N, C-alpha and C. Protein backbone atom coordinates (compact mmCIF):
# COMPACT_ATOMS: atom_id res chain seq x y z
N UNK A 1 232.01 35.28 307.25
CA UNK A 1 233.08 36.27 307.50
C UNK A 1 233.99 36.40 306.29
N UNK A 2 234.22 35.32 305.58
CA UNK A 2 235.08 35.44 304.39
C UNK A 2 234.51 36.37 303.37
N UNK A 3 233.21 36.28 303.12
CA UNK A 3 232.60 37.12 302.11
C UNK A 3 232.55 38.59 302.52
N UNK A 4 232.41 38.79 303.85
CA UNK A 4 232.46 40.18 304.38
C UNK A 4 233.86 40.75 304.16
N UNK A 5 234.87 39.97 304.40
CA UNK A 5 236.23 40.45 304.22
C UNK A 5 236.54 40.72 302.77
N UNK A 6 236.05 39.83 301.87
CA UNK A 6 236.25 40.00 300.46
C UNK A 6 235.51 41.25 299.95
N UNK A 7 234.32 41.44 300.44
CA UNK A 7 233.52 42.58 300.08
C UNK A 7 234.16 43.89 300.57
N UNK A 8 234.70 43.88 301.78
CA UNK A 8 235.35 45.07 302.27
C UNK A 8 236.64 45.38 301.54
N UNK A 9 237.37 44.37 301.09
CA UNK A 9 238.52 44.64 300.23
C UNK A 9 238.10 45.30 298.95
N UNK A 10 237.03 44.79 298.34
CA UNK A 10 236.53 45.45 297.10
C UNK A 10 236.07 46.86 297.37
N UNK A 11 235.42 47.11 298.47
CA UNK A 11 235.00 48.48 298.81
C UNK A 11 236.24 49.35 299.03
N UNK A 12 237.24 48.83 299.73
CA UNK A 12 238.45 49.59 299.96
C UNK A 12 239.18 49.96 298.67
N UNK A 13 239.23 49.00 297.73
CA UNK A 13 239.82 49.29 296.43
C UNK A 13 239.05 50.36 295.67
N UNK A 14 237.75 50.26 295.69
CA UNK A 14 236.91 51.19 294.99
C UNK A 14 237.01 52.60 295.58
N UNK A 15 236.96 52.72 296.92
CA UNK A 15 237.04 54.01 297.54
C UNK A 15 238.44 54.64 297.37
N UNK A 16 239.46 53.85 297.49
CA UNK A 16 240.84 54.39 297.32
C UNK A 16 241.10 54.78 295.87
N UNK A 17 240.54 54.01 294.91
CA UNK A 17 240.69 54.38 293.53
C UNK A 17 239.96 55.71 293.22
N UNK A 18 238.76 55.86 293.79
CA UNK A 18 238.00 57.08 293.58
C UNK A 18 238.69 58.29 294.25
N UNK A 19 239.26 58.08 295.42
CA UNK A 19 239.95 59.20 296.10
C UNK A 19 241.23 59.59 295.36
N UNK A 20 241.98 58.60 294.91
CA UNK A 20 243.21 58.87 294.15
C UNK A 20 242.94 59.54 292.85
N UNK A 21 241.80 59.18 292.23
CA UNK A 21 241.46 59.80 290.94
C UNK A 21 240.92 61.19 291.09
N UNK A 22 240.19 61.42 292.19
CA UNK A 22 239.57 62.72 292.45
C UNK A 22 240.53 63.76 292.99
N UNK A 23 241.39 63.35 293.88
CA UNK A 23 242.32 64.29 294.55
C UNK A 23 243.77 63.88 294.37
N UNK A 24 244.29 63.78 293.18
CA UNK A 24 245.66 63.28 292.98
C UNK A 24 246.73 64.26 293.54
N UNK A 25 246.48 65.55 293.57
CA UNK A 25 247.49 66.53 294.00
C UNK A 25 247.49 66.69 295.51
N UNK A 26 246.45 66.20 296.21
CA UNK A 26 246.37 66.37 297.64
C UNK A 26 246.59 65.09 298.43
N UNK A 27 246.90 64.02 297.72
CA UNK A 27 247.15 62.73 298.37
C UNK A 27 248.58 62.27 298.09
N UNK A 28 249.11 61.41 298.97
CA UNK A 28 250.42 60.84 298.69
C UNK A 28 250.34 59.88 297.48
N UNK A 29 251.36 59.10 297.27
CA UNK A 29 251.41 58.26 296.07
C UNK A 29 250.22 57.30 296.04
N UNK A 30 249.88 56.87 294.83
CA UNK A 30 248.70 56.01 294.62
C UNK A 30 248.84 54.69 295.36
N UNK A 31 250.04 54.15 295.47
CA UNK A 31 250.25 52.91 296.15
C UNK A 31 249.94 53.03 297.67
N UNK A 32 250.30 54.13 298.27
CA UNK A 32 249.97 54.36 299.65
C UNK A 32 248.49 54.51 299.89
N UNK A 33 247.84 55.18 298.97
CA UNK A 33 246.39 55.37 299.07
C UNK A 33 245.65 54.01 298.95
N UNK A 34 246.06 53.21 297.98
CA UNK A 34 245.37 51.90 297.79
C UNK A 34 245.59 50.96 298.99
N UNK A 35 246.81 50.91 299.48
CA UNK A 35 247.11 50.05 300.64
C UNK A 35 246.32 50.54 301.88
N UNK A 36 246.32 51.85 302.08
CA UNK A 36 245.58 52.42 303.20
C UNK A 36 244.08 52.18 303.06
N UNK A 37 243.59 52.27 301.84
CA UNK A 37 242.14 52.04 301.59
C UNK A 37 241.76 50.60 301.92
N UNK A 38 242.56 49.69 301.47
CA UNK A 38 242.24 48.24 301.69
C UNK A 38 242.35 47.90 303.19
N UNK A 39 243.42 48.34 303.81
CA UNK A 39 243.59 48.07 305.23
C UNK A 39 242.54 48.75 306.09
N UNK A 40 242.18 49.98 305.72
CA UNK A 40 241.12 50.69 306.45
C UNK A 40 239.79 49.99 306.34
N UNK A 41 239.48 49.49 305.16
CA UNK A 41 238.20 48.77 304.99
C UNK A 41 238.21 47.43 305.75
N UNK A 42 239.33 46.72 305.71
CA UNK A 42 239.41 45.48 306.49
C UNK A 42 239.26 45.72 307.98
N UNK A 43 239.93 46.77 308.47
CA UNK A 43 239.83 47.14 309.90
C UNK A 43 238.39 47.51 310.21
N UNK A 44 237.73 48.27 309.34
CA UNK A 44 236.34 48.67 309.55
C UNK A 44 235.44 47.49 309.57
N UNK A 45 235.65 46.51 308.70
CA UNK A 45 234.83 45.30 308.66
C UNK A 45 235.04 44.50 309.97
N UNK A 46 236.24 44.39 310.40
CA UNK A 46 236.52 43.63 311.65
C UNK A 46 235.89 44.31 312.84
N UNK A 47 236.01 45.62 312.90
CA UNK A 47 235.42 46.39 314.00
C UNK A 47 233.87 46.31 314.01
N UNK A 48 233.29 46.44 312.85
CA UNK A 48 231.81 46.40 312.74
C UNK A 48 231.32 44.97 312.98
N UNK A 49 232.04 44.00 312.46
CA UNK A 49 231.63 42.60 312.70
C UNK A 49 231.69 42.27 314.20
N UNK A 50 232.69 42.75 314.87
CA UNK A 50 232.80 42.54 316.30
C UNK A 50 231.68 43.22 317.08
N UNK A 51 231.25 44.38 316.59
CA UNK A 51 230.19 45.13 317.28
C UNK A 51 228.79 44.53 317.00
N UNK A 52 228.54 44.15 315.75
CA UNK A 52 227.20 43.67 315.35
C UNK A 52 227.04 42.18 315.54
N UNK A 53 228.10 41.44 315.33
CA UNK A 53 228.01 40.02 315.42
C UNK A 53 227.78 39.39 314.05
N UNK A 54 227.75 38.09 313.97
CA UNK A 54 227.57 37.40 312.66
C UNK A 54 226.16 37.57 312.16
N UNK A 55 226.00 37.51 310.85
CA UNK A 55 224.70 37.60 310.24
C UNK A 55 224.27 38.98 309.84
N UNK A 56 225.14 39.98 309.91
CA UNK A 56 224.84 41.34 309.57
C UNK A 56 225.75 41.81 308.48
N UNK A 57 225.80 41.13 307.37
CA UNK A 57 226.74 41.46 306.30
C UNK A 57 226.55 42.85 305.73
N UNK A 58 225.32 43.30 305.44
CA UNK A 58 225.18 44.68 304.91
C UNK A 58 225.66 45.76 305.91
N UNK A 59 225.34 45.54 307.16
CA UNK A 59 225.77 46.48 308.18
C UNK A 59 227.29 46.50 308.32
N UNK A 60 227.87 45.32 308.20
CA UNK A 60 229.35 45.23 308.27
C UNK A 60 230.02 45.95 307.11
N UNK A 61 229.46 45.81 305.93
CA UNK A 61 230.01 46.48 304.73
C UNK A 61 229.79 48.00 304.85
N UNK A 62 228.70 48.44 305.37
CA UNK A 62 228.48 49.89 305.57
C UNK A 62 229.50 50.42 306.60
N UNK A 63 229.69 49.69 307.65
CA UNK A 63 230.69 50.14 308.66
C UNK A 63 232.07 50.13 308.08
N UNK A 64 232.38 49.16 307.25
CA UNK A 64 233.73 49.11 306.61
C UNK A 64 233.90 50.34 305.69
N UNK A 65 232.88 50.69 304.96
CA UNK A 65 232.98 51.87 304.06
C UNK A 65 233.16 53.15 304.85
N UNK A 66 232.43 53.27 305.96
CA UNK A 66 232.53 54.50 306.78
C UNK A 66 233.94 54.61 307.39
N UNK A 67 234.44 53.55 307.95
CA UNK A 67 235.78 53.59 308.58
C UNK A 67 236.85 53.82 307.51
N UNK A 68 236.65 53.23 306.38
CA UNK A 68 237.62 53.43 305.27
C UNK A 68 237.61 54.90 304.78
N UNK A 69 236.46 55.50 304.67
CA UNK A 69 236.38 56.91 304.28
C UNK A 69 237.10 57.81 305.31
N UNK A 70 236.94 57.50 306.58
CA UNK A 70 237.59 58.27 307.63
C UNK A 70 239.10 58.10 307.54
N UNK A 71 239.58 56.87 307.37
CA UNK A 71 241.01 56.62 307.28
C UNK A 71 241.59 57.29 306.04
N UNK A 72 240.92 57.24 304.90
CA UNK A 72 241.41 57.87 303.70
C UNK A 72 241.42 59.40 303.85
N UNK A 73 240.46 59.95 304.60
CA UNK A 73 240.41 61.38 304.76
C UNK A 73 241.63 61.89 305.58
N UNK A 74 242.18 61.03 306.37
CA UNK A 74 243.38 61.43 307.17
C UNK A 74 244.62 61.59 306.29
N UNK A 75 244.62 61.09 305.07
CA UNK A 75 245.75 61.20 304.15
C UNK A 75 245.74 62.54 303.37
N UNK A 76 244.61 63.20 303.36
CA UNK A 76 244.50 64.41 302.52
C UNK A 76 245.29 65.54 303.11
N UNK A 77 246.12 66.16 302.27
CA UNK A 77 246.93 67.31 302.68
C UNK A 77 246.14 68.58 302.34
N UNK A 78 246.40 69.63 303.12
CA UNK A 78 245.69 70.90 302.84
C UNK A 78 246.03 71.43 301.47
N UNK A 79 245.07 72.12 300.86
CA UNK A 79 245.29 72.71 299.54
C UNK A 79 246.01 74.05 299.65
N UNK A 80 246.25 74.66 298.51
CA UNK A 80 246.92 75.95 298.49
C UNK A 80 245.97 77.03 298.97
N UNK A 81 246.46 77.86 299.91
CA UNK A 81 245.62 78.92 300.40
C UNK A 81 246.12 80.25 299.80
N UNK A 82 245.22 81.16 299.72
CA UNK A 82 245.58 82.50 299.22
C UNK A 82 246.25 83.26 300.33
N UNK A 83 247.31 83.98 300.00
CA UNK A 83 248.04 84.77 301.00
C UNK A 83 247.31 86.10 301.17
N UNK A 84 247.19 86.50 302.41
CA UNK A 84 246.60 87.79 302.69
C UNK A 84 247.66 88.85 302.58
N UNK A 85 247.31 89.96 302.06
CA UNK A 85 248.32 91.07 301.99
C UNK A 85 248.28 91.82 303.31
N UNK A 86 249.37 92.40 303.63
CA UNK A 86 249.54 93.13 304.92
C UNK A 86 249.28 94.61 304.72
N UNK A 87 248.40 94.94 303.87
CA UNK A 87 248.11 96.33 303.59
C UNK A 87 247.04 96.89 304.54
N UNK A 88 247.46 97.35 305.68
CA UNK A 88 246.59 97.91 306.66
C UNK A 88 247.04 99.25 307.14
């Protein structure tokens, strides 16, 4: 379980770094993104480990990455939309 938690923290850091680098204008501060990424991956690992049981480290890490991606996607703000003209 220790290695799964450590691996999920590394996954969370990697995913949050990639999200903060790719979408800096649509995400809150980098600190919030990194903390959310790490906590989302840990929660995903805990949830997946509870569902699969011990001995499924690759499955646990995949579940942690999926839950982390979902949690990070909740931080994304909408982009700028084009205004429609009222010329009718």
